[in-house]
Amino acid sequence: MSDDFKDHAKRANDFAPLDTNEFITAITLLQTLRCTKAILNTCKATMRWKLESQGLLRPGESPHCVSREQVHSKPKEGCNRQHGFGIKTEIVLPGNKSGAMLITGEPCMVMQQLPMDPRVRPKCCLFNDKNDPFAPPSANADCIADLNTGPSHPETWKKPMTEPSKQILCPIVIHIDGAAAGHFVDLPITAVKIALGIHTSVAREKPHLQGTIGCIPQPTKVKTGGQREPS
């Protein structure tokens, strides 16, 4: 994970800025569609309508504009998300022959993104000593407050580290959150998320400090003939 981040940092200076008018227009359109809960696939049709209404595009011509795919791919490159995310795995549960498509991410890549977020501030960090991130837990703690004050945290800290001057204990908090997949979809998905214990409980509640390592859809029964139905 460290080597991957160092390689990304070396390439970061070559990333093109996303402040062109075309990119700003495309990003603003996608944001508007999302805020109004419209289907994002209407992005291209909306852009075509705009250009045709302004006389910049003739009917039948292909619009020369930034596509939704380009808007997604450029930030992925800049944020080091080209690999390790959106891994599709189709499985069939042996018990009831239900099929499901799992969308997962490599945990190490998801963990790498969390401390890199530019919205992280010093007040978001949870250390035993705010002036020294490598300081051990206090032996005189008389109450349980945040995650680093529970009994398991100091007990785990006692285990030997290979480089105590460069390593800190980083608990991984795992939780799940169910959500509907869309207006016209009756199959919910359950997102398996993680947060880092080096962030405070207040910070861990923020969406940008929660990483998704996988999405579990509702299984579907496999019919004869290859068709599926909700289980």
C-alpha atoms as a PDB file:
ATOM      1  CA  MET A   1       0.000   0.000   0.000  1.00  0.00           C
ATOM      2  CA  SER A   2       2.870   2.348   0.820  1.00  0.00           C
ATOM      3  CA  ASP A   3       4.677   1.599  -2.453  1.00  0.00           C
ATOM      4  CA  ASP A   4       1.482   2.184  -4.437  1.00  0.00           C
ATOM      5  CA  PHE A   5       0.985   5.578  -2.786  1.00  0.00           C
ATOM      6  CA  LYS A   6       4.594   6.606  -3.456  1.00  0.00           C
ATOM      7  CA  ASP A   7       4.176   5.673  -7.129  1.00  0.00           C
ATOM      8  CA  HIS A   8       0.966   7.693  -7.299  1.00  0.00           C
ATOM      9  CA  ALA A   9       2.672  10.701  -5.686  1.00  0.00           C
ATOM     10  CA  LYS A  10       5.417  10.624  -8.336  1.00  0.00           C
ATOM     11  CA  ARG A  11       2.834  10.758 -11.126  1.00  0.00           C
ATOM     12  CA  ALA A  12       0.648  13.384  -9.437  1.00  0.00           C
ATOM     13  CA  ASN A  13       2.492  16.351 -10.969  1.00  0.00           C
ATOM     14  CA  ASP A  14       1.595  15.158 -14.478  1.00  0.00           C
ATOM     15  CA  PHE A  15      -2.166  15.108 -13.881  1.00  0.00           C
ATOM     16  CA  ALA A  16      -4.003  17.681 -15.981  1.00  0.00           C
ATOM     17  CA  PRO A  17      -6.203  20.153 -14.068  1.00  0.00           C
ATOM     18  CA  LEU A  18      -9.977  19.744 -14.297  1.00  0.00           C
ATOM     19  CA  ASP A  19     -10.719  23.474 -14.441  1.00  0.00           C
ATOM     20  CA  THR A  20     -11.566  23.739 -18.153  1.00  0.00           C
ATOM     21  CA  ASN A  21     -14.991  25.089 -19.085  1.00  0.00           C
ATOM     22  CA  GLU A  22     -15.966  21.786 -20.701  1.00  0.00           C
ATOM     23  CA  PHE A  23     -15.186  19.783 -17.574  1.00  0.00           C
ATOM     24  CA  ILE A  24     -16.862  22.293 -15.279  1.00  0.00           C
ATOM     25  CA  THR A  25     -20.005  22.183 -17.437  1.00  0.00           C
ATOM     26  CA  ALA A  26     -20.075  18.371 -17.496  1.00  0.00           C
ATOM     27  CA  ILE A  27     -19.470  18.071 -13.737  1.00  0.00           C
ATOM     28  CA  THR A  28     -22.150  20.675 -12.991  1.00  0.00           C
ATOM     29  CA  LEU A  29     -24.641  18.793 -15.168  1.00  0.00           C
ATOM     30  CA  LEU A  30     -23.956  15.478 -13.428  1.00  0.00           C
ATOM     31  CA  GLN A  31     -24.260  17.157 -10.043  1.00  0.00           C
ATOM     32  CA  THR A  32     -27.601  18.684 -11.055  1.00  0.00           C
ATOM     33  CA  LEU A  33     -28.912  15.323 -12.273  1.00  0.00           C
ATOM     34  CA  ARG A  34     -27.872  13.664  -9.042  1.00  0.00           C
ATOM     35  CA  CYS A  35     -29.412  16.361  -6.829  1.00  0.00           C
ATOM     36  CA  THR A  36     -32.712  16.056  -8.690  1.00  0.00           C
ATOM     37  CA  LYS A  37     -32.490  12.220  -8.471  1.00  0.00           C
ATOM     38  CA  ALA A  38     -32.636  11.930 -12.259  1.00  0.00           C
ATOM     39  CA  ILE A  39     -31.080   9.008 -14.105  1.00  0.00           C
ATOM     40  CA  LEU A  40     -27.447   9.831 -14.862  1.00  0.00           C
ATOM     41  CA  ASN A  41     -27.742   8.176 -18.292  1.00  0.00           C
ATOM     42  CA  THR A  42     -29.696  11.261 -19.396  1.00  0.00           C
ATOM     43  CA  CYS A  43     -26.456  13.281 -19.240  1.00  0.00           C
ATOM     44  CA  LYS A  44     -25.586  12.790 -22.915  1.00  0.00           C
ATOM     45  CA  ALA A  45     -29.150  13.474 -24.083  1.00  0.00           C
ATOM     46  CA  THR A  46     -29.309  16.651 -21.994  1.00  0.00           C
ATOM     47  CA  MET A  47     -25.996  17.859 -23.370  1.00  0.00           C
ATOM     48  CA  ARG A  48     -27.151  17.161 -26.930  1.00  0.00           C
ATOM     49  CA  TRP A  49     -30.369  19.118 -26.333  1.00  0.00           C
ATOM     50  CA  LYS A  50     -28.377  22.058 -24.994  1.00  0.00           C
ATOM     51  CA  LEU A  51     -26.015  22.184 -27.968  1.00  0.00           C
ATOM     52  CA  GLU A  52     -28.823  21.753 -30.514  1.00  0.00           C
ATOM     53  CA  SER A  53     -30.935  24.473 -28.901  1.00  0.00           C
ATOM     54  CA  GLN A  54     -27.993  26.876 -29.157  1.00  0.00           C
ATOM     55  CA  GLY A  55     -27.354  26.020 -32.792  1.00  0.00           C
ATOM     56  CA  LEU A  56     -23.970  24.495 -31.995  1.00  0.00           C
ATOM     57  CA  LEU A  57     -24.924  21.013 -33.129  1.00  0.00           C
ATOM     58  CA  ARG A  58     -26.963  19.731 -36.038  1.00  0.00           C
ATOM     59  CA  PRO A  59     -29.414  16.856 -35.614  1.00  0.00           C
ATOM     60  CA  GLY A  60     -27.629  13.560 -36.217  1.00  0.00           C
ATOM     61  CA  GLU A  61     -24.155  14.898 -35.400  1.00  0.00           C
ATOM     62  CA  SER A  62     -22.195  13.487 -32.496  1.00  0.00           C
ATOM     63  CA  PRO A  63     -21.717  16.058 -29.729  1.00  0.00           C
ATOM     64  CA  HIS A  64     -18.122  17.073 -29.074  1.00  0.00           C
ATOM     65  CA  CYS A  65     -18.293  17.428 -25.307  1.00  0.00           C
ATOM     66  CA  VAL A  66     -16.923  15.819 -22.176  1.00  0.00           C
ATOM     67  CA  SER A  67     -18.769  12.547 -21.635  1.00  0.00           C
ATOM     68  CA  ARG A  68     -19.869  11.088 -18.328  1.00  0.00           C
ATOM     69  CA  GLU A  69     -17.214   8.385 -18.703  1.00  0.00           C
ATOM     70  CA  GLN A  70     -14.486  11.030 -19.088  1.00  0.00           C
ATOM     71  CA  VAL A  71     -15.742  12.939 -16.067  1.00  0.00           C
ATOM     72  CA  HIS A  72     -15.441   9.739 -14.022  1.00  0.00           C
ATOM     73  CA  SER A  73     -12.100   8.545 -15.419  1.00  0.00           C
ATOM     74  CA  LYS A  74     -10.065  11.735 -14.948  1.00  0.00           C
ATOM     75  CA  PRO A  75     -10.722  12.130 -11.196  1.00  0.00           C
ATOM     76  CA  LYS A  76     -10.115   8.395 -10.755  1.00  0.00           C
ATOM     77  CA  GLU A  77      -6.633   8.850 -12.154  1.00  0.00           C
ATOM     78  CA  GLY A  78      -5.965  11.894 -10.008  1.00  0.00           C
ATOM     79  CA  CYS A  79      -7.226  10.150  -6.859  1.00  0.00           C
ATOM     80  CA  ASN A  80      -5.456   6.854  -7.588  1.00  0.00           C
ATOM     81  CA  ARG A  81      -8.660   4.877  -8.043  1.00  0.00           C
ATOM     82  CA  GLN A  82      -7.978   3.269 -11.435  1.00  0.00           C
ATOM     83  CA  HIS A  83      -7.447  -0.153  -9.889  1.00  0.00           C
ATOM     84  CA  GLY A  84      -8.633  -1.950  -6.802  1.00  0.00           C
ATOM     85  CA  PHE A  85     -12.206  -0.615  -6.979  1.00  0.00           C
ATOM     86  CA  GLY A  86     -15.424  -1.852  -8.597  1.00  0.00           C
ATOM     87  CA  ILE A  87     -14.345  -5.500  -8.789  1.00  0.00           C
ATOM     88  CA  LYS A  88     -17.307  -7.587  -9.991  1.00  0.00           C
ATOM     89  CA  THR A  89     -17.724 -11.166  -8.792  1.00  0.00           C
ATOM     90  CA  GLU A  90     -20.801 -13.223  -9.670  1.00  0.00           C
ATOM     91  CA  ILE A  91     -21.560 -16.030  -7.232  1.00  0.00           C
ATOM     92  CA  VAL A  92     -24.250 -18.678  -6.714  1.00  0.00           C
ATOM     93  CA  LEU A  93     -25.019 -19.579  -3.111  1.00  0.00           C
ATOM     94  CA  PRO A  94     -24.821 -23.369  -2.759  1.00  0.00           C
ATOM     95  CA  GLY A  95     -27.603 -23.595  -0.164  1.00  0.00           C
ATOM     96  CA  ASN A  96     -30.560 -22.190  -2.120  1.00  0.00           C
ATOM     97  CA  LYS A  97     -28.970 -21.751  -5.561  1.00  0.00           C
ATOM     98  CA  SER A  98     -29.415 -17.979  -5.347  1.00  0.00           C
ATOM     99  CA  GLY A  99     -27.227 -15.800  -7.524  1.00  0.00           C
ATOM    100  CA  ALA A 100     -25.688 -12.472  -6.616  1.00  0.00           C
ATOM    101  CA  MET A 101     -23.275  -9.972  -8.121  1.00  0.00           C
ATOM    102  CA  LEU A 102     -20.772  -8.736  -5.550  1.00  0.00           C
ATOM    103  CA  ILE A 103     -19.089  -5.376  -6.126  1.00  0.00           C
ATOM    104  CA  THR A 104     -15.971  -5.185  -3.991  1.00  0.00           C
ATOM    105  CA  GLY A 105     -12.855  -3.114  -3.492  1.00  0.00           C
ATOM    106  CA  GLU A 106      -9.427  -4.093  -2.263  1.00  0.00           C
ATOM    107  CA  PRO A 107      -9.361  -3.205   1.465  1.00  0.00           C
ATOM    108  CA  CYS A 108      -5.782  -1.907   1.264  1.00  0.00           C
ATOM    109  CA  MET A 109      -6.730   0.549  -1.506  1.00  0.00           C
ATOM    110  CA  VAL A 110      -9.873   1.653   0.347  1.00  0.00           C
ATOM    111  CA  MET A 111      -7.827   2.228   3.508  1.00  0.00           C
ATOM    112  CA  GLN A 112      -5.274   4.234   1.537  1.00  0.00           C
ATOM    113  CA  GLN A 113      -7.936   6.698   0.379  1.00  0.00           C
ATOM    114  CA  LEU A 114      -9.225   7.626   3.844  1.00  0.00           C
ATOM    115  CA  PRO A 115      -6.216   9.499   5.300  1.00  0.00           C
ATOM    116  CA  MET A 116      -5.515  11.038   1.849  1.00  0.00           C
ATOM    117  CA  ASP A 117      -8.833  12.891   1.712  1.00  0.00           C
ATOM    118  CA  PRO A 118      -8.138  16.646   1.567  1.00  0.00           C
ATOM    119  CA  ARG A 119     -11.017  17.290   3.977  1.00  0.00           C
ATOM    120  CA  VAL A 120      -9.160  15.574   6.824  1.00  0.00           C
ATOM    121  CA  ARG A 121      -8.083  18.103   9.444  1.00  0.00           C
ATOM    122  CA  PRO A 122      -5.870  17.707  12.542  1.00  0.00           C
ATOM    123  CA  LYS A 123      -8.981  17.743  14.742  1.00  0.00           C
ATOM    124  CA  CYS A 124     -10.153  14.588  12.922  1.00  0.00           C
ATOM    125  CA  CYS A 125      -7.183  12.562  14.165  1.00  0.00           C
ATOM    126  CA  LEU A 126      -7.410  10.410  17.294  1.00  0.00           C
ATOM    127  CA  PHE A 127      -4.079   9.945  19.034  1.00  0.00           C
ATOM    128  CA  ASN A 128      -3.189   9.229  22.641  1.00  0.00           C
ATOM    129  CA  ASP A 129      -1.226  12.482  22.696  1.00  0.00           C
ATOM    130  CA  LYS A 130      -2.247  15.236  20.277  1.00  0.00           C
ATOM    131  CA  ASN A 131       1.397  16.368  20.073  1.00  0.00           C
ATOM    132  CA  ASP A 132       2.854  12.902  19.519  1.00  0.00           C
ATOM    133  CA  PRO A 133       1.003  10.363  17.331  1.00  0.00           C
ATOM    134  CA  PHE A 134       3.394   7.613  18.479  1.00  0.00           C
ATOM    135  CA  ALA A 135       2.673   8.074  22.201  1.00  0.00           C
ATOM    136  CA  PRO A 136       1.292   4.992  24.017  1.00  0.00           C
ATOM    137  CA  PRO A 137      -2.090   4.992  25.793  1.00  0.00           C
ATOM    138  CA  SER A 138      -2.228   6.592  29.210  1.00  0.00           C
ATOM    139  CA  ALA A 139      -1.935   4.185  32.114  1.00  0.00           C
ATOM    140  CA  ASN A 140      -4.137   6.412  34.284  1.00  0.00           C
ATOM    141  CA  ALA A 141      -7.266   6.475  32.086  1.00  0.00           C
ATOM    142  CA  ASP A 142     -10.286   6.455  34.407  1.00  0.00           C
ATOM    143  CA  CYS A 143     -13.121   6.630  31.870  1.00  0.00           C
ATOM    144  CA  ILE A 144     -14.159   5.270  28.492  1.00  0.00           C
ATOM    145  CA  ALA A 145     -14.599   7.953  25.865  1.00  0.00           C
ATOM    146  CA  ASP A 146     -13.480   7.365  22.273  1.00  0.00           C
ATOM    147  CA  LEU A 147     -12.272   4.164  20.669  1.00  0.00           C
ATOM    148  CA  ASN A 148      -8.721   4.443  22.019  1.00  0.00           C
ATOM    149  CA  THR A 149      -9.894   4.398  25.670  1.00  0.00           C
ATOM    150  CA  GLY A 150     -11.539   0.968  25.608  1.00  0.00           C
ATOM    151  CA  PRO A 151      -9.794  -1.974  27.337  1.00  0.00           C
ATOM    152  CA  SER A 152      -8.898  -3.739  24.074  1.00  0.00           C
ATOM    153  CA  HIS A 153      -6.953  -0.770  22.688  1.00  0.00           C
ATOM    154  CA  PRO A 154      -4.193  -0.552  25.362  1.00  0.00           C
ATOM    155  CA  GLU A 155      -3.995  -4.356  25.522  1.00  0.00           C
ATOM    156  CA  THR A 156      -3.402  -4.554  21.774  1.00  0.00           C
ATOM    157  CA  TRP A 157      -0.880  -1.706  22.007  1.00  0.00           C
ATOM    158  CA  LYS A 158       1.271  -3.869  24.297  1.00  0.00           C
ATOM    159  CA  LYS A 159       1.924  -6.290  21.462  1.00  0.00           C
ATOM    160  CA  PRO A 160       5.363  -5.754  19.899  1.00  0.00           C
ATOM    161  CA  MET A 161       5.755  -3.553  16.814  1.00  0.00           C
ATOM    162  CA  THR A 162       8.614  -3.911  14.340  1.00  0.00           C
ATOM    163  CA  GLU A 163       9.257  -0.140  14.260  1.00  0.00           C
ATOM    164  CA  PRO A 164       7.613   1.599  17.242  1.00  0.00           C
ATOM    165  CA  SER A 165       8.999   4.989  16.203  1.00  0.00           C
ATOM    166  CA  LYS A 166       7.266   4.765  12.804  1.00  0.00           C
ATOM    167  CA  GLN A 167       4.165   2.659  13.492  1.00  0.00           C
ATOM    168  CA  ILE A 168       0.908   3.341  15.297  1.00  0.00           C
ATOM    169  CA  LEU A 169      -2.032   1.130  16.169  1.00  0.00           C
ATOM    170  CA  CYS A 170      -4.821   1.601  13.611  1.00  0.00           C
ATOM    171  CA  PRO A 171      -8.104  -0.164  14.479  1.00  0.00           C
ATOM    172  CA  ILE A 172     -10.465  -0.948  11.600  1.00  0.00           C
ATOM    173  CA  VAL A 173     -14.130  -0.216  12.287  1.00  0.00           C
ATOM    174  CA  ILE A 174     -16.524  -2.262  10.111  1.00  0.00           C
ATOM    175  CA  HIS A 175     -20.223  -1.525   9.689  1.00  0.00           C
ATOM    176  CA  ILE A 176     -22.992  -2.128   7.157  1.00  0.00           C
ATOM    177  CA  ASP A 177     -25.582   0.194   5.683  1.00  0.00           C
ATOM    178  CA  GLY A 178     -28.509  -0.928   3.553  1.00  0.00           C
ATOM    179  CA  ALA A 179     -29.831   1.253   0.744  1.00  0.00           C
ATOM    180  CA  ALA A 180     -32.192   1.016  -2.213  1.00  0.00           C
ATOM    181  CA  ALA A 181     -30.496   0.714  -5.595  1.00  0.00           C
ATOM    182  CA  GLY A 182     -32.831   3.178  -7.347  1.00  0.00           C
ATOM    183  CA  HIS A 183     -36.366   4.419  -7.940  1.00  0.00           C
ATOM    184  CA  PHE A 184     -37.238   1.597 -10.313  1.00  0.00           C
ATOM    185  CA  VAL A 185     -35.312  -1.200  -8.583  1.00  0.00           C
ATOM    186  CA  ASP A 186     -36.844  -3.258  -5.782  1.00  0.00           C
ATOM    187  CA  LEU A 187     -33.636  -5.101  -4.848  1.00  0.00           C
ATOM    188  CA  PRO A 188     -31.764  -3.322  -2.049  1.00  0.00           C
ATOM    189  CA  ILE A 189     -28.017  -3.505  -1.576  1.00  0.00           C
ATOM    190  CA  THR A 190     -26.027  -3.593   1.633  1.00  0.00           C
ATOM    191  CA  ALA A 191     -22.758  -1.682   1.649  1.00  0.00           C
ATOM    192  CA  VAL A 192     -19.969  -3.024   3.854  1.00  0.00           C
ATOM    193  CA  LYS A 193     -17.977  -0.012   5.019  1.00  0.00           C
ATOM    194  CA  ILE A 194     -14.854   0.572   7.047  1.00  0.00           C
ATOM    195  CA  ALA A 195     -13.466   3.516   8.981  1.00  0.00           C
ATOM    196  CA  LEU A 196     -10.060   4.019  10.562  1.00  0.00           C
ATOM    197  CA  GLY A 197      -9.614   4.084  14.319  1.00  0.00           C
ATOM    198  CA  ILE A 198      -7.008   6.844  13.979  1.00  0.00           C
ATOM    199  CA  HIS A 199      -9.956   9.200  13.359  1.00  0.00           C
ATOM    200  CA  THR A 200     -12.286  10.430  16.092  1.00  0.00           C
ATOM    201  CA  SER A 201     -15.834   9.117  16.458  1.00  0.00           C
ATOM    202  CA  VAL A 202     -17.168  12.449  15.170  1.00  0.00           C
ATOM    203  CA  ALA A 203     -14.934  12.246  12.099  1.00  0.00           C
ATOM    204  CA  ARG A 204     -15.835   8.600  11.440  1.00  0.00           C
ATOM    205  CA  GLU A 205     -19.478   9.598  11.009  1.00  0.00           C
ATOM    206  CA  LYS A 206     -18.609  11.756   7.993  1.00  0.00           C
ATOM    207  CA  PRO A 207     -19.183  10.041   4.604  1.00  0.00           C
ATOM    208  CA  HIS A 208     -15.747  10.971   3.245  1.00  0.00           C
ATOM    209  CA  LEU A 209     -14.071   9.095   6.111  1.00  0.00           C
ATOM    210  CA  GLN A 210     -15.994   5.888   5.425  1.00  0.00           C
ATOM    211  CA  GLY A 211     -14.737   3.572   2.703  1.00  0.00           C
ATOM    212  CA  THR A 212     -16.835   0.910   0.980  1.00  0.00           C
ATOM    213  CA  ILE A 213     -15.106  -2.453   0.627  1.00  0.00           C
ATOM    214  CA  GLY A 214     -18.090  -4.202  -0.917  1.00  0.00           C
ATOM    215  CA  CYS A 215     -21.768  -4.077  -1.835  1.00  0.00           C
ATOM    216  CA  ILE A 216     -23.958  -7.109  -1.199  1.00  0.00           C
ATOM    217  CA  PRO A 217     -27.185  -7.193  -3.245  1.00  0.00           C
ATOM    218  CA  GLN A 218     -30.278  -9.141  -2.342  1.00  0.00           C
ATOM    219  CA  PRO A 219     -29.790 -12.672  -3.750  1.00  0.00           C
ATOM    220  CA  THR A 220     -31.906 -13.797  -6.679  1.00  0.00           C
ATOM    221  CA  LYS A 221     -33.181 -17.304  -7.304  1.00  0.00           C
ATOM    222  CA  VAL A 222     -31.883 -18.961 -10.435  1.00  0.00           C
ATOM    223  CA  LYS A 223     -34.690 -20.203 -12.671  1.00  0.00           C
ATOM    224  CA  THR A 224     -34.324 -22.942 -15.220  1.00  0.00           C
ATOM    225  CA  GLY A 225     -33.386 -21.317 -18.485  1.00  0.00           C
ATOM    226  CA  GLY A 226     -30.989 -18.790 -16.968  1.00  0.00           C
ATOM    227  CA  GLN A 227     -33.537 -16.232 -15.788  1.00  0.00           C
ATOM    228  CA  ARG A 228     -33.572 -14.926 -12.248  1.00  0.00           C
ATOM    229  CA  GLU A 229     -36.177 -13.727  -9.849  1.00  0.00           C
ATOM    230  CA  PRO A 230     -35.894 -12.017  -6.438  1.00  0.00           C
ATOM    231  CA  SER A 231     -35.524 -14.428  -3.558  1.00  0.00           C
END
